[in-house]
Structures are given as structure tokens and as C-alpha cells.
Amino acid sequence: MRILVVNDDGIQDRGLWALAEALEPLGEVQVYSPDRNYSGAGMSVALTPEFELRRAAPPDGICTSVPGFTADASPANLAALGCAIAFDREPDVIVSGINPGWNTGVQGYVSSGTMGAARVALDRGFTGIAVSHTPQSPEDKRAIAAAVARFVAAANGHGVLRQPLLVNINTPERFAATEPVWLTRPARFTLFEGLRPTEAPIVDGDRITVRVEYGKIFDGPGTDDDETAALKAGAVSICVTDPFTAQVMRDDPWPAIAAAFSPVVRPAADASAP
């Protein structure tokens, strides 16, 4: 299996390398990541004809021989570049993250750099997986990365990775291998919907300073089977979508694949339960 690991937080982010370390036993793994933080870049790209890649080593404490490469380029640029040159043919899957902060909601699927890098896989005909969490300890990141590796192995075993699907994984504030998993629907995105000024604009000649706050993911209306409902309940949210058809995947084989992430999976038939 060929696995491309990417992120939007930069090459020295420990969540990125925790994923690479956990995924290394599954096959051929390479890391492609921006040389700085590109959060919120979405799928933005620079249509430059030349990229200057530099080799990169993992941070101290990460024990992996996975090769890493970085450049001054967006997450989507790096993901596409990795797809084109990292292996002798296309990867089987892109895994993006671990992002420090949840990525939920339909619009977040467009604005998040983590999601944008994963979405490159869809345009090239295979599966992209985005992984996000709230800030946690290095031990938590390793546990999340190990769960992702089990999930990827199970998805590969069921033959779904060569489909253009987007898998959005968000883990709750407290994570353990036995946290329940919900197969969810995309939530309503409230980050920009809830944007509002915190005070009156400050006018200084031609300069106007506007201080704002953004909406919180739990602020907006939701359903009892969407991503935020799972996180609010302390469960892992795994949302599998085909963005080309707007179809949400919760039937077989996805419950079995989700069970590799955690043995406790909420049946899709019970999605309307409180």
C-alpha cells in the first residue's frame, strides 16, 4: 500500500509525524508538507511551473524512517506534487493531519487546509482521509495515529481506498482506543456564519481596525446524527462522503471499517437515537 501523509500545519508538526510513524508498517509511506503553517488555505494552489523541495527529518522523539519533503507551497500543492512524484504510481490513499482543532461542517470541507490536502485524492480518483482533534498530549496523538492506521488497514482490506471518497475523522476532547465511533453526516458550518465584531470599529484616518470573533462549532442548528452531535456526545465522528454525488456512506462495509478505529460503533440504523 502506498500512503501519502500531508498536513496544513507545517513539516515540524508532531501530529503529522505521529501519523507517518503509525502508518509506516502498512506499506510505502512518504510525507509532503508545507514549510510553514497554511491553516485555512483550503484547496488553494499556486500554478507555478517549478517547486523546490527540501528533505525534512521528523522532530525529536518520533522514531520513523519515513522520508519527508517540504516546500514553500500550499497543502494542496504539496499533496498533488506528492501524488505525482512520491511513488512509482498514484498513492492508494492520502492521510492528512493530525490537525490541532476540529474540522466539521460543509463549508469547513472547503476552507480547511487539512481537508483541502485530502480532497486532492478525490480529483485523482482515490480516497482522502482528514484527521482532526482538539489539542492533546503527544500520547493522545500517538493513540489517534494508531487508530487511524487500523482504520486505513481495514479500509484497504475492504477494497474501498481506490474510490474517490472523502473521510473526515474528528476525535473528541478525551480520546482512548475504546471511544465510541459514530458514522455521521456533515454538520452545519458556523465559523463564518457566526462571525461578528467584538467592539465598534476603531477609525484612525484611512485605517479602520475591526476586531471579530468567529462562531463555535456547537453554536448552530444541527441534527442528532451529524459530526457535532457525535463530538458533543464524546464520540469519534467519522463522516464518509462522495462529494461528487453528495452521498453519505454509512452502510456496509463502513461499520466494519469504523470498528477498526474503535470496537464500539453506533449502528447507522440508530442514528436518530438521542
C-alpha atoms as a PDB file:
ATOM      1  CA  MET A   1       0.000   0.000   0.000  1.00  0.00           C
ATOM      2  CA  ARG A   2       1.264   3.492  -0.908  1.00  0.00           C
ATOM      3  CA  ILE A   3       0.333   6.167   1.648  1.00  0.00           C
ATOM      4  CA  LEU A   4       0.950   9.895   1.237  1.00  0.00           C
ATOM      5  CA  VAL A   5       0.878  11.783   4.554  1.00  0.00           C
ATOM      6  CA  VAL A   6       0.233  15.535   4.379  1.00  0.00           C
ATOM      7  CA  ASN A   7      -0.957  18.405   6.577  1.00  0.00           C
ATOM      8  CA  ASP A   8      -1.507  22.156   6.670  1.00  0.00           C
ATOM      9  CA  ASP A   9       0.344  22.957   9.903  1.00  0.00           C
ATOM     10  CA  GLY A  10       3.888  22.591   8.639  1.00  0.00           C
ATOM     11  CA  ILE A  11       6.587  19.972   8.358  1.00  0.00           C
ATOM     12  CA  GLN A  12       7.620  20.044  12.023  1.00  0.00           C
ATOM     13  CA  ASP A  13       4.129  19.398  13.394  1.00  0.00           C
ATOM     14  CA  ARG A  14       4.212  16.333  15.640  1.00  0.00           C
ATOM     15  CA  GLY A  15       0.751  15.141  14.624  1.00  0.00           C
ATOM     16  CA  LEU A  16       1.943  14.806  11.024  1.00  0.00           C
ATOM     17  CA  TRP A  17       4.861  12.613  12.022  1.00  0.00           C
ATOM     18  CA  ALA A  18       2.813  10.609  14.532  1.00  0.00           C
ATOM     19  CA  LEU A  19       0.644   9.579  11.580  1.00  0.00           C
ATOM     20  CA  ALA A  20       3.688   8.717   9.465  1.00  0.00           C
ATOM     21  CA  GLU A  21       5.148   6.633  12.293  1.00  0.00           C
ATOM     22  CA  ALA A  22       1.895   4.712  12.846  1.00  0.00           C
ATOM     23  CA  LEU A  23       1.251   4.146   9.128  1.00  0.00           C
ATOM     24  CA  GLU A  24       4.807   3.049   8.276  1.00  0.00           C
ATOM     25  CA  PRO A  25       4.189  -0.689   8.927  1.00  0.00           C
ATOM     26  CA  LEU A  26       1.329  -0.715   6.388  1.00  0.00           C
ATOM     27  CA  GLY A  27       3.442  -0.125   3.294  1.00  0.00           C
ATOM     28  CA  GLU A  28       5.375   2.592   1.497  1.00  0.00           C
ATOM     29  CA  VAL A  29       4.858   5.939   3.227  1.00  0.00           C
ATOM     30  CA  GLN A  30       6.106   9.423   2.366  1.00  0.00           C
ATOM     31  CA  VAL A  31       5.485  12.822   3.962  1.00  0.00           C
ATOM     32  CA  TYR A  32       4.886  16.006   1.938  1.00  0.00           C
ATOM     33  CA  SER A  33       4.162  19.134   3.961  1.00  0.00           C
ATOM     34  CA  PRO A  34       4.424  22.932   3.708  1.00  0.00           C
ATOM     35  CA  ASP A  35       7.412  24.611   5.327  1.00  0.00           C
ATOM     36  CA  ARG A  36       5.073  26.808   7.395  1.00  0.00           C
ATOM     37  CA  ASN A  37       1.534  26.901   8.707  1.00  0.00           C
ATOM     38  CA  TYR A  38      -1.108  27.081   5.974  1.00  0.00           C
ATOM     39  CA  SER A  39      -4.243  26.688   8.091  1.00  0.00           C
ATOM     40  CA  GLY A  40      -7.366  27.873   6.277  1.00  0.00           C
ATOM     41  CA  ALA A  41      -5.774  27.514   2.828  1.00  0.00           C
ATOM     42  CA  GLY A  42      -8.440  25.122   1.595  1.00  0.00           C
ATOM     43  CA  MET A  43      -7.551  23.802  -1.858  1.00  0.00           C
ATOM     44  CA  SER A  44      -5.717  26.979  -2.868  1.00  0.00           C
ATOM     45  CA  VAL A  45      -2.804  26.381  -5.240  1.00  0.00           C
ATOM     46  CA  ALA A  46      -0.087  28.368  -6.948  1.00  0.00           C
ATOM     47  CA  LEU A  47       0.124  27.487 -10.633  1.00  0.00           C
ATOM     48  CA  THR A  48       3.911  27.691 -10.637  1.00  0.00           C
ATOM     49  CA  PRO A  49       5.880  25.538 -13.100  1.00  0.00           C
ATOM     50  CA  GLU A  50       8.626  24.742 -10.618  1.00  0.00           C
ATOM     51  CA  PHE A  51       8.840  23.641  -6.981  1.00  0.00           C
ATOM     52  CA  GLU A  52      11.954  23.473  -4.833  1.00  0.00           C
ATOM     53  CA  LEU A  53      11.624  20.546  -2.446  1.00  0.00           C
ATOM     54  CA  ARG A  54      13.848  20.064   0.591  1.00  0.00           C
ATOM     55  CA  ARG A  55      14.303  16.893   2.584  1.00  0.00           C
ATOM     56  CA  ALA A  56      12.973  17.014   6.144  1.00  0.00           C
ATOM     57  CA  ALA A  57      13.526  14.838   9.211  1.00  0.00           C
ATOM     58  CA  PRO A  58      10.958  14.147  11.953  1.00  0.00           C
ATOM     59  CA  PRO A  59      11.129  16.113  15.210  1.00  0.00           C
ATOM     60  CA  ASP A  60      12.871  14.640  18.249  1.00  0.00           C
ATOM     61  CA  GLY A  61      11.027  11.726  19.815  1.00  0.00           C
ATOM     62  CA  ILE A  62       9.435  10.486  16.580  1.00  0.00           C
ATOM     63  CA  CYS A  63      11.054   7.200  15.570  1.00  0.00           C
ATOM     64  CA  THR A  64      10.416   6.646  11.889  1.00  0.00           C
ATOM     65  CA  SER A  65      12.445   6.209   8.719  1.00  0.00           C
ATOM     66  CA  VAL A  66       9.648   7.664   6.562  1.00  0.00           C
ATOM     67  CA  PRO A  67      11.141  10.209   4.123  1.00  0.00           C
ATOM     68  CA  GLY A  68       9.821  13.732   4.397  1.00  0.00           C
ATOM     69  CA  PHE A  69       9.792  16.607   1.918  1.00  0.00           C
ATOM     70  CA  THR A  70       8.811  20.239   2.302  1.00  0.00           C
ATOM     71  CA  ALA A  71       8.471  23.372   0.183  1.00  0.00           C
ATOM     72  CA  ASP A  72       7.059  26.875   0.333  1.00  0.00           C
ATOM     73  CA  ALA A  73       3.739  25.766  -1.128  1.00  0.00           C
ATOM     74  CA  SER A  74       0.151  25.202  -0.054  1.00  0.00           C
ATOM     75  CA  PRO A  75      -1.109  21.886   1.386  1.00  0.00           C
ATOM     76  CA  ALA A  76      -2.990  21.099  -1.840  1.00  0.00           C
ATOM     77  CA  ASN A  77       0.104  21.897  -3.918  1.00  0.00           C
ATOM     78  CA  LEU A  78       2.222  19.567  -1.777  1.00  0.00           C
ATOM     79  CA  ALA A  79      -0.417  16.816  -1.862  1.00  0.00           C
ATOM     80  CA  ALA A  80      -0.677  16.984  -5.653  1.00  0.00           C
ATOM     81  CA  LEU A  81       3.097  17.051  -6.002  1.00  0.00           C
ATOM     82  CA  GLY A  82       3.430  14.028  -3.733  1.00  0.00           C
ATOM     83  CA  CYS A  83       0.842  12.163  -5.779  1.00  0.00           C
ATOM     84  CA  ALA A  84       2.832  12.897  -8.928  1.00  0.00           C
ATOM     85  CA  ILE A  85       6.377  12.017  -7.817  1.00  0.00           C
ATOM     86  CA  ALA A  86       6.488  10.259  -4.433  1.00  0.00           C
ATOM     87  CA  PHE A  87       5.847   6.734  -5.714  1.00  0.00           C
ATOM     88  CA  ASP A  88       6.128   4.816  -8.960  1.00  0.00           C
ATOM     89  CA  ARG A  89       2.362   5.309  -9.413  1.00  0.00           C
ATOM     90  CA  GLU A  90      -0.532   7.061  -7.654  1.00  0.00           C
ATOM     91  CA  PRO A  91      -0.866   6.559  -3.891  1.00  0.00           C
ATOM     92  CA  ASP A  92      -3.640   4.329  -2.591  1.00  0.00           C
ATOM     93  CA  VAL A  93      -4.657   6.957  -0.045  1.00  0.00           C
ATOM     94  CA  ILE A  94      -3.832  10.436   1.237  1.00  0.00           C
ATOM     95  CA  VAL A  95      -3.929  10.853   5.025  1.00  0.00           C
ATOM     96  CA  SER A  96      -3.976  14.483   6.166  1.00  0.00           C
ATOM     97  CA  GLY A  97      -3.389  15.693   9.728  1.00  0.00           C
ATOM     98  CA  ILE A  98      -3.405  15.333  12.642  1.00  0.00           C
ATOM     99  CA  ASN A  99      -4.922  18.822  12.679  1.00  0.00           C
ATOM    100  CA  PRO A 100      -4.982  20.569  16.097  1.00  0.00           C
ATOM    101  CA  GLY A 101      -8.603  21.665  16.056  1.00  0.00           C
ATOM    102  CA  TRP A 102     -11.822  20.163  14.756  1.00  0.00           C
ATOM    103  CA  ASN A 103     -12.798  20.394  11.095  1.00  0.00           C
ATOM    104  CA  THR A 104     -16.547  19.962  10.805  1.00  0.00           C
ATOM    105  CA  GLY A 105     -19.216  21.350   8.542  1.00  0.00           C
ATOM    106  CA  VAL A 106     -19.733  21.506   4.809  1.00  0.00           C
ATOM    107  CA  GLN A 107     -18.023  24.877   4.346  1.00  0.00           C
ATOM    108  CA  GLY A 108     -15.133  23.685   6.509  1.00  0.00           C
ATOM    109  CA  TYR A 109     -14.618  20.967   3.939  1.00  0.00           C
ATOM    110  CA  VAL A 110     -13.765  23.792   1.527  1.00  0.00           C
ATOM    111  CA  SER A 111     -11.843  26.247   3.724  1.00  0.00           C
ATOM    112  CA  SER A 112      -9.709  23.861   5.800  1.00  0.00           C
ATOM    113  CA  GLY A 113      -6.178  23.251   4.548  1.00  0.00           C
ATOM    114  CA  THR A 114      -6.257  19.815   6.151  1.00  0.00           C
ATOM    115  CA  MET A 115      -9.389  18.965   4.183  1.00  0.00           C
ATOM    116  CA  GLY A 116      -8.055  20.643   1.054  1.00  0.00           C
ATOM    117  CA  ALA A 117      -4.980  18.420   1.016  1.00  0.00           C
ATOM    118  CA  ALA A 118      -7.126  15.309   1.496  1.00  0.00           C
ATOM    119  CA  ARG A 119      -9.500  16.394  -1.288  1.00  0.00           C
ATOM    120  CA  VAL A 120      -6.644  16.263  -3.805  1.00  0.00           C
ATOM    121  CA  ALA A 121      -7.050  12.474  -3.669  1.00  0.00           C
ATOM    122  CA  LEU A 122     -10.641  12.708  -4.925  1.00  0.00           C
ATOM    123  CA  ASP A 123      -9.640  14.646  -8.020  1.00  0.00           C
ATOM    124  CA  ARG A 124      -7.089  11.926  -8.767  1.00  0.00           C
ATOM    125  CA  GLY A 125      -9.583   9.091  -8.261  1.00  0.00           C
ATOM    126  CA  PHE A 126      -8.886   7.666  -4.806  1.00  0.00           C
ATOM    127  CA  THR A 127      -9.640   8.205  -1.108  1.00  0.00           C
ATOM    128  CA  GLY A 128      -8.532  11.115   1.052  1.00  0.00           C
ATOM    129  CA  ILE A 129      -8.675  10.950   4.856  1.00  0.00           C
ATOM    130  CA  ALA A 130      -8.547  14.055   7.067  1.00  0.00           C
ATOM    131  CA  VAL A 131      -7.886  13.662  10.795  1.00  0.00           C
ATOM    132  CA  SER A 132      -8.559  16.400  13.365  1.00  0.00           C
ATOM    133  CA  HIS A 133      -8.666  16.671  17.152  1.00  0.00           C
ATOM    134  CA  THR A 134      -8.635  19.189  19.948  1.00  0.00           C
ATOM    135  CA  PRO A 135      -5.166  19.960  21.382  1.00  0.00           C
ATOM    136  CA  GLN A 136      -3.982  16.894  23.268  1.00  0.00           C
ATOM    137  CA  SER A 137      -0.796  15.326  24.605  1.00  0.00           C
ATOM    138  CA  PRO A 138       1.804  13.504  22.473  1.00  0.00           C
ATOM    139  CA  GLU A 139       0.480  10.239  23.924  1.00  0.00           C
ATOM    140  CA  ASP A 140      -3.032  11.103  22.720  1.00  0.00           C
ATOM    141  CA  LYS A 141      -1.690  11.882  19.252  1.00  0.00           C
ATOM    142  CA  ARG A 142       0.032   8.507  19.114  1.00  0.00           C
ATOM    143  CA  ALA A 143      -3.196   6.780  20.171  1.00  0.00           C
ATOM    144  CA  ILE A 144      -5.160   8.660  17.494  1.00  0.00           C
ATOM    145  CA  ALA A 145      -2.500   7.883  14.888  1.00  0.00           C
ATOM    146  CA  ALA A 146      -2.591   4.187  15.811  1.00  0.00           C
ATOM    147  CA  ALA A 147      -6.385   4.168  15.450  1.00  0.00           C
ATOM    148  CA  VAL A 148      -6.077   5.843  12.038  1.00  0.00           C
ATOM    149  CA  ALA A 149      -3.579   3.173  10.968  1.00  0.00           C
ATOM    150  CA  ARG A 150      -6.030   0.434  11.970  1.00  0.00           C
ATOM    151  CA  PHE A 151      -8.777   2.245  10.048  1.00  0.00           C
ATOM    152  CA  VAL A 152      -6.621   2.575   6.914  1.00  0.00           C
ATOM    153  CA  ALA A 153      -5.661  -1.089   7.069  1.00  0.00           C
ATOM    154  CA  ALA A 154      -9.322  -2.099   7.392  1.00  0.00           C
ATOM    155  CA  ALA A 155     -10.378   0.204   4.539  1.00  0.00           C
ATOM    156  CA  ASN A 156      -7.660  -1.275   2.354  1.00  0.00           C
ATOM    157  CA  GLY A 157      -8.788  -4.789   3.286  1.00  0.00           C
ATOM    158  CA  HIS A 158     -12.334  -3.944   2.164  1.00  0.00           C
ATOM    159  CA  GLY A 159     -11.066  -2.520  -1.129  1.00  0.00           C
ATOM    160  CA  VAL A 160     -12.526   0.976  -0.773  1.00  0.00           C
ATOM    161  CA  LEU A 161      -9.403   3.136  -0.965  1.00  0.00           C
ATOM    162  CA  ARG A 162      -9.388   3.270  -4.759  1.00  0.00           C
ATOM    163  CA  GLN A 163     -12.724   5.086  -4.721  1.00  0.00           C
ATOM    164  CA  PRO A 164     -12.919   8.921  -4.772  1.00  0.00           C
ATOM    165  CA  LEU A 165     -14.252   9.303  -1.238  1.00  0.00           C
ATOM    166  CA  LEU A 166     -13.576  11.878   1.467  1.00  0.00           C
ATOM    167  CA  VAL A 167     -13.271  10.577   5.023  1.00  0.00           C
ATOM    168  CA  ASN A 168     -13.421  13.236   7.742  1.00  0.00           C
ATOM    169  CA  ILE A 169     -12.363  11.970  11.185  1.00  0.00           C
ATOM    170  CA  ASN A 170     -12.737  14.148  14.285  1.00  0.00           C
ATOM    171  CA  THR A 171     -11.865  12.808  17.727  1.00  0.00           C
ATOM    172  CA  PRO A 172     -13.443  14.117  20.947  1.00  0.00           C
ATOM    173  CA  GLU A 173     -11.655  16.064  23.661  1.00  0.00           C
ATOM    174  CA  ARG A 174     -10.858  12.894  25.570  1.00  0.00           C
ATOM    175  CA  PHE A 175      -9.650  10.081  23.386  1.00  0.00           C
ATOM    176  CA  ALA A 176      -8.978   6.434  24.070  1.00  0.00           C
ATOM    177  CA  ALA A 177      -8.977   3.392  21.799  1.00  0.00           C
ATOM    178  CA  THR A 178     -12.368   2.399  23.191  1.00  0.00           C
ATOM    179  CA  GLU A 179     -14.133   5.715  22.496  1.00  0.00           C
ATOM    180  CA  PRO A 180     -17.396   5.040  20.630  1.00  0.00           C
ATOM    181  CA  VAL A 181     -17.487   5.861  16.922  1.00  0.00           C
ATOM    182  CA  TRP A 182     -20.408   7.369  15.058  1.00  0.00           C
ATOM    183  CA  LEU A 183     -20.692   7.237  11.287  1.00  0.00           C
ATOM    184  CA  THR A 184     -22.038  10.748  10.805  1.00  0.00           C
ATOM    185  CA  ARG A 185     -23.309  13.285   8.321  1.00  0.00           C
ATOM    186  CA  PRO A 186     -21.612  16.638   7.625  1.00  0.00           C
ATOM    187  CA  ALA A 187     -22.537  19.262  10.189  1.00  0.00           C
ATOM    188  CA  ARG A 188     -23.559  22.855   9.583  1.00  0.00           C
ATOM    189  CA  PHE A 189     -20.503  25.095   9.475  1.00  0.00           C
ATOM    190  CA  THR A 190     -20.818  28.031  11.885  1.00  0.00           C
ATOM    191  CA  LEU A 191     -17.304  29.531  11.903  1.00  0.00           C
ATOM    192  CA  PHE A 192     -18.075  32.205   9.303  1.00  0.00           C
ATOM    193  CA  GLU A 193     -21.831  32.180   9.804  1.00  0.00           C
ATOM    194  CA  GLY A 194     -21.274  33.305  13.388  1.00  0.00           C
ATOM    195  CA  LEU A 195     -18.617  35.939  12.646  1.00  0.00           C
ATOM    196  CA  ARG A 196     -19.371  39.192  14.444  1.00  0.00           C
ATOM    197  CA  PRO A 197     -17.465  42.265  15.673  1.00  0.00           C
ATOM    198  CA  THR A 198     -16.475  42.293  19.329  1.00  0.00           C
ATOM    199  CA  GLU A 199     -16.499  46.072  19.556  1.00  0.00           C
ATOM    200  CA  ALA A 200     -17.101  49.152  17.453  1.00  0.00           C
ATOM    201  CA  PRO A 201     -14.592  49.663  14.617  1.00  0.00           C
ATOM    202  CA  ILE A 202     -11.604  51.840  15.522  1.00  0.00           C
ATOM    203  CA  VAL A 203     -11.109  54.594  12.940  1.00  0.00           C
ATOM    204  CA  ASP A 204      -7.658  56.164  12.565  1.00  0.00           C
ATOM    205  CA  GLY A 205      -7.616  58.268   9.410  1.00  0.00           C
ATOM    206  CA  ASP A 206      -7.817  55.898   6.437  1.00  0.00           C
ATOM    207  CA  ARG A 207      -7.201  52.885   8.658  1.00  0.00           C
ATOM    208  CA  ILE A 208     -10.158  51.053  10.196  1.00  0.00           C
ATOM    209  CA  THR A 209      -9.439  48.280  12.708  1.00  0.00           C
ATOM    210  CA  VAL A 210     -12.185  45.693  13.107  1.00  0.00           C
ATOM    211  CA  ARG A 211     -11.866  43.065  15.836  1.00  0.00           C
ATOM    212  CA  VAL A 212     -14.025  39.986  15.370  1.00  0.00           C
ATOM    213  CA  GLU A 213     -14.854  36.644  16.886  1.00  0.00           C
ATOM    214  CA  TYR A 214     -15.897  33.551  14.982  1.00  0.00           C
ATOM    215  CA  GLY A 215     -18.759  31.145  15.547  1.00  0.00           C
ATOM    216  CA  LYS A 216     -18.233  27.969  17.535  1.00  0.00           C
ATOM    217  CA  ILE A 217     -18.956  24.573  16.034  1.00  0.00           C
ATOM    218  CA  PHE A 218     -21.690  23.815  18.584  1.00  0.00           C
ATOM    219  CA  ASP A 219     -23.479  27.163  18.131  1.00  0.00           C
ATOM    220  CA  GLY A 220     -25.522  26.438  15.039  1.00  0.00           C
ATOM    221  CA  PRO A 221     -28.509  24.190  14.437  1.00  0.00           C
ATOM    222  CA  GLY A 222     -27.658  20.561  13.896  1.00  0.00           C
ATOM    223  CA  THR A 223     -29.065  17.084  13.639  1.00  0.00           C
ATOM    224  CA  ASP A 224     -28.679  14.193  16.055  1.00  0.00           C
ATOM    225  CA  ASP A 225     -26.539  12.229  13.589  1.00  0.00           C
ATOM    226  CA  ASP A 226     -24.103  14.879  12.370  1.00  0.00           C
ATOM    227  CA  GLU A 227     -20.448  15.468  13.202  1.00  0.00           C
ATOM    228  CA  THR A 228     -21.003  17.944  16.012  1.00  0.00           C
ATOM    229  CA  ALA A 229     -23.603  15.729  17.674  1.00  0.00           C
ATOM    230  CA  ALA A 230     -21.004  12.962  17.911  1.00  0.00           C
ATOM    231  CA  LEU A 231     -18.338  15.257  19.357  1.00  0.00           C
ATOM    232  CA  LYS A 232     -20.812  16.742  21.814  1.00  0.00           C
ATOM    233  CA  ALA A 233     -21.587  13.193  22.986  1.00  0.00           C
ATOM    234  CA  GLY A 234     -17.878  12.443  23.435  1.00  0.00           C
ATOM    235  CA  ALA A 235     -17.747  10.111  20.425  1.00  0.00           C
ATOM    236  CA  VAL A 236     -15.435   9.917  17.443  1.00  0.00           C
ATOM    237  CA  SER A 237     -17.052  11.296  14.293  1.00  0.00           C
ATOM    238  CA  ILE A 238     -16.251   9.522  11.023  1.00  0.00           C
ATOM    239  CA  CYS A 239     -18.026  11.130   8.087  1.00  0.00           C
ATOM    240  CA  VAL A 240     -17.559   9.417   4.712  1.00  0.00           C
ATOM    241  CA  THR A 241     -18.874  11.295   1.695  1.00  0.00           C
ATOM    242  CA  ASP A 242     -18.758  11.147  -2.069  1.00  0.00           C
ATOM    243  CA  PRO A 243     -18.604  14.892  -2.809  1.00  0.00           C
ATOM    244  CA  PHE A 244     -19.375  14.289  -6.487  1.00  0.00           C
ATOM    245  CA  THR A 245     -22.789  12.787  -5.670  1.00  0.00           C
ATOM    246  CA  ALA A 246     -23.313  14.293  -2.171  1.00  0.00           C
ATOM    247  CA  GLN A 247     -23.848  10.744  -0.907  1.00  0.00           C
ATOM    248  CA  VAL A 248     -23.057   9.915   2.726  1.00  0.00           C
ATOM    249  CA  MET A 249     -21.648   6.409   3.241  1.00  0.00           C
ATOM    250  CA  ARG A 250     -22.853   4.613   6.368  1.00  0.00           C
ATOM    251  CA  ASP A 251     -23.815   1.181   5.063  1.00  0.00           C
ATOM    252  CA  ASP A 252     -21.581  -1.870   4.708  1.00  0.00           C
ATOM    253  CA  PRO A 253     -18.629  -2.077   4.771  1.00  0.00           C
ATOM    254  CA  TRP A 254     -18.195   1.166   6.724  1.00  0.00           C
ATOM    255  CA  PRO A 255     -19.410  -0.056  10.147  1.00  0.00           C
ATOM    256  CA  ALA A 256     -16.801  -2.836   9.990  1.00  0.00           C
ATOM    257  CA  ILE A 257     -14.097  -0.375   8.930  1.00  0.00           C
ATOM    258  CA  ALA A 258     -15.077   2.033  11.709  1.00  0.00           C
ATOM    259  CA  ALA A 259     -14.837  -0.840  14.189  1.00  0.00           C
ATOM    260  CA  ALA A 260     -11.113  -0.958  13.463  1.00  0.00           C
ATOM    261  CA  PHE A 261     -10.838   2.624  14.735  1.00  0.00           C
ATOM    262  CA  SER A 262     -12.830   1.695  17.834  1.00  0.00           C
ATOM    263  CA  PRO A 263     -14.637  -1.536  18.677  1.00  0.00           C
ATOM    264  CA  VAL A 264     -17.723   0.420  19.763  1.00  0.00           C
ATOM    265  CA  VAL A 265     -19.631   1.609  16.681  1.00  0.00           C
ATOM    266  CA  ARG A 266     -23.067   3.195  16.783  1.00  0.00           C
ATOM    267  CA  PRO A 267     -25.197   1.406  14.165  1.00  0.00           C
ATOM    268  CA  ALA A 268     -26.335   3.633  11.305  1.00  0.00           C
ATOM    269  CA  ALA A 269     -29.877   2.393  11.916  1.00  0.00           C
ATOM    270  CA  ASP A 270     -29.728   4.024  15.361  1.00  0.00           C
ATOM    271  CA  ALA A 271     -28.526   7.365  14.035  1.00  0.00           C
ATOM    272  CA  SER A 272     -31.761   9.061  15.026  1.00  0.00           C
ATOM    273  CA  ALA A 273     -31.457   7.956  18.630  1.00  0.00           C
ATOM    274  CA  PRO A 274     -30.554  10.659  21.141  1.00  0.00           C
END
